[in-house]
Protein backbone atom coordinates (compact mmCIF):
# COMPACT_ATOMS: atom_id res chain seq x y z
CA MET A 1 162.89 50.23 -64.58
CA TYR A 2 161.34 47.26 -62.73
CA LYS A 3 158.65 45.13 -64.37
CA LYS A 4 158.26 42.28 -61.84
CA ILE A 5 158.92 42.64 -58.14
CA LEU A 6 159.04 39.43 -56.10
CA VAL A 7 157.84 40.03 -52.54
CA PRO A 8 158.51 37.06 -50.22
CA LEU A 9 156.40 37.11 -47.05
CA ASP A 10 155.93 34.86 -44.05
CA GLY A 11 152.46 35.99 -42.99
CA SER A 12 153.72 38.15 -40.13
CA SER A 13 153.11 41.86 -39.75
CA ALA A 14 156.90 42.24 -39.55
CA SER A 15 157.36 40.76 -43.03
CA GLU A 16 154.58 43.02 -44.31
CA SER A 17 156.63 46.11 -43.45
CA ILE A 18 157.98 45.89 -47.01
CA LEU A 19 154.53 46.44 -48.52
CA SER A 20 154.43 50.24 -48.30
CA HIS A 21 157.81 50.38 -50.02
CA VAL A 22 156.89 48.08 -52.89
CA GLU A 23 153.50 49.69 -53.43
CA GLY A 24 155.05 53.05 -54.26
CA LEU A 25 157.80 51.49 -56.31
CA ALA A 26 155.40 49.33 -58.32
CA ARG A 27 153.16 52.32 -58.96
CA ALA A 28 156.09 54.46 -60.13
CA CYS A 29 157.49 51.73 -62.40
CA GLY A 30 154.24 50.13 -63.54
CA ALA A 31 155.56 46.85 -62.15
CA THR A 32 153.69 43.67 -61.24
CA LEU A 33 153.92 42.65 -57.59
CA CYS A 34 154.47 38.90 -57.16
CA PHE A 35 153.65 37.90 -53.58
CA LEU A 36 155.26 34.65 -52.45
CA GLU A 37 155.05 32.60 -49.30
CA VAL A 38 157.20 29.52 -48.94
CA LEU A 39 156.15 26.53 -46.88
CA GLU A 40 159.33 25.02 -45.54
CA ALA A 41 159.41 21.26 -45.83
CA LEU A 42 159.36 19.27 -42.60
CA PRO A 43 162.55 17.39 -41.77
CA PRO A 44 162.33 13.67 -42.66
CA HIS A 45 162.33 12.55 -39.00
CA ALA A 46 159.22 14.66 -38.27
CA THR A 47 157.07 12.77 -40.76
CA VAL A 48 157.72 9.49 -38.95
CA VAL A 49 155.82 10.60 -35.82
CA VAL A 50 152.21 10.79 -36.99
CA PRO A 51 152.16 11.12 -40.79
CA GLU A 52 148.36 11.44 -41.12
CA MET A 53 148.13 14.30 -38.64
CA LEU A 54 151.09 16.07 -40.22
CA ALA A 55 149.64 15.73 -43.71
CA GLU A 56 146.27 17.08 -42.56
CA GLY A 57 147.87 20.00 -40.71
CA ALA A 58 150.19 20.80 -43.62
CA SER A 59 147.27 20.77 -46.05
CA GLN A 60 145.24 23.12 -43.85
CA ARG A 61 148.23 25.45 -43.41
CA ALA A 62 148.84 25.48 -47.18
CA GLY A 63 145.20 26.48 -47.73
CA GLU A 64 145.49 29.30 -45.20
CA ILE A 65 148.66 30.58 -46.82
CA GLN A 66 147.15 30.41 -50.30
CA HIS A 67 144.18 32.43 -49.02
CA TYR A 68 146.53 34.97 -47.40
CA VAL A 69 148.60 35.68 -50.53
CA GLN A 70 145.51 35.66 -52.77
CA GLU A 71 143.81 38.23 -50.51
CA LEU A 72 146.94 40.36 -50.51
CA ALA A 73 147.10 40.28 -54.30
CA GLU A 74 143.38 41.18 -54.48
CA THR A 75 143.96 44.14 -52.15
CA PHE A 76 146.72 45.51 -54.34
CA ARG A 77 144.73 44.91 -57.52
CA GLY A 78 141.95 46.90 -55.85
CA ARG A 79 144.46 49.74 -55.51
CA GLY A 80 145.08 49.68 -59.25
CA LEU A 81 148.27 47.61 -59.30
CA ALA A 82 149.05 44.37 -61.10
CA ALA A 83 149.56 41.62 -58.52
CA GLU A 84 149.99 37.85 -58.48
CA ALA A 85 150.11 35.30 -55.66
CA PHE A 86 152.31 32.22 -55.29
CA VAL A 87 152.76 29.53 -52.65
CA ARG A 88 155.62 27.06 -52.92
CA ARG A 89 157.20 24.37 -50.78
CA GLY A 90 160.91 24.02 -50.14
CA ASN A 91 163.90 25.65 -48.55
CA VAL A 92 162.89 29.30 -48.13
CA ALA A 93 165.96 31.07 -49.57
CA GLU A 94 166.41 28.57 -52.41
CA THR A 95 162.73 28.75 -53.32
CA ILE A 96 162.73 32.55 -53.34
CA LEU A 97 165.66 32.53 -55.77
CA GLN A 98 164.09 29.81 -57.91
CA VAL A 99 160.76 31.65 -58.17
CA ALA A 100 162.55 34.92 -58.97
CA SER A 101 164.27 33.17 -61.85
CA GLU A 102 161.10 31.42 -63.08
CA LEU A 103 159.10 34.65 -63.07
CA GLY A 104 161.84 36.79 -64.54
CA ALA A 105 161.68 39.08 -61.51
CA ASP A 106 164.02 42.01 -61.79
CA LEU A 107 163.82 42.95 -58.08
CA ILE A 108 163.36 40.97 -54.88
CA ALA A 109 161.91 43.10 -52.07
CA MET A 110 161.77 41.67 -48.56
CA SER A 111 162.12 42.46 -44.91
CA SER A 112 164.83 41.19 -42.60
CA HIS A 113 164.40 40.49 -38.90
CA ASP A 114 168.06 41.37 -38.42
CA TYR A 115 168.61 38.68 -35.83
CA ARG A 116 171.94 38.88 -34.05
CA GLY A 117 173.97 36.57 -31.87
CA LEU A 118 172.20 33.43 -30.65
CA ALA A 119 168.91 34.46 -32.29
CA ARG A 120 170.65 34.47 -35.69
CA ILE A 121 172.04 31.00 -35.05
CA VAL A 122 168.61 29.71 -34.04
CA HIS A 123 166.53 31.49 -36.71
CA GLY A 124 169.08 31.82 -39.51
CA SER A 125 168.89 34.60 -42.03
CA VAL A 126 166.80 34.09 -45.13
CA ALA A 127 167.49 37.66 -46.26
CA GLY A 128 171.22 37.09 -45.81
CA ASP A 129 171.12 33.88 -47.83
CA VAL A 130 169.14 35.55 -50.61
CA LEU A 131 171.45 38.58 -50.56
CA HIS A 132 174.54 36.45 -51.07
CA ARG A 133 173.08 34.32 -53.85
CA ALA A 134 170.72 36.60 -55.79
CA THR A 135 171.50 37.61 -59.35
CA VAL A 136 168.94 40.45 -59.34
CA PRO A 137 168.81 43.59 -57.20
CA LEU A 138 167.39 43.34 -53.68
CA LEU A 139 165.47 45.83 -51.56
CA ILE A 140 165.73 44.77 -47.93
CA VAL A 141 163.91 46.63 -45.16
CA ARG A 142 165.28 45.98 -41.70
CA ILE A 143 162.77 45.19 -38.98
CA GLU A 144 163.60 46.11 -35.42
CA THR A 145 163.29 43.05 -33.20
CA THR A 146 163.08 42.83 -29.46
CA ASN A 147 165.37 39.94 -28.52
């Protein structure tokens, strides 16, 4: 049924709550898990402050994220599943959809913080944006938050 499952993560244990769901699904379908973390671009005004420090910090953060998704893919390969790791820069929801298209993913599986009220205004909803714009099926696991 599914051959490629895109799994967007943000490095938090909350976002990793999707992993137990996709592991079983990938095993049952023989699907490849494609782990993705998106580095959101800094707003233009932020790069004016101290560009050298920002560039150095962004480079270090990108390396940490690359290591994180690579380790995750290795872990799942060690469990007998096909797994790939990707790190991209850009708007999170747009990048998730773009990568899904590029990879030919036939399922996007992600968690949602389910922010409500002011928290939703402040944090936004990546899962909501992806849900409304995706052209492939989505599996969204709701995370209970303490706001």
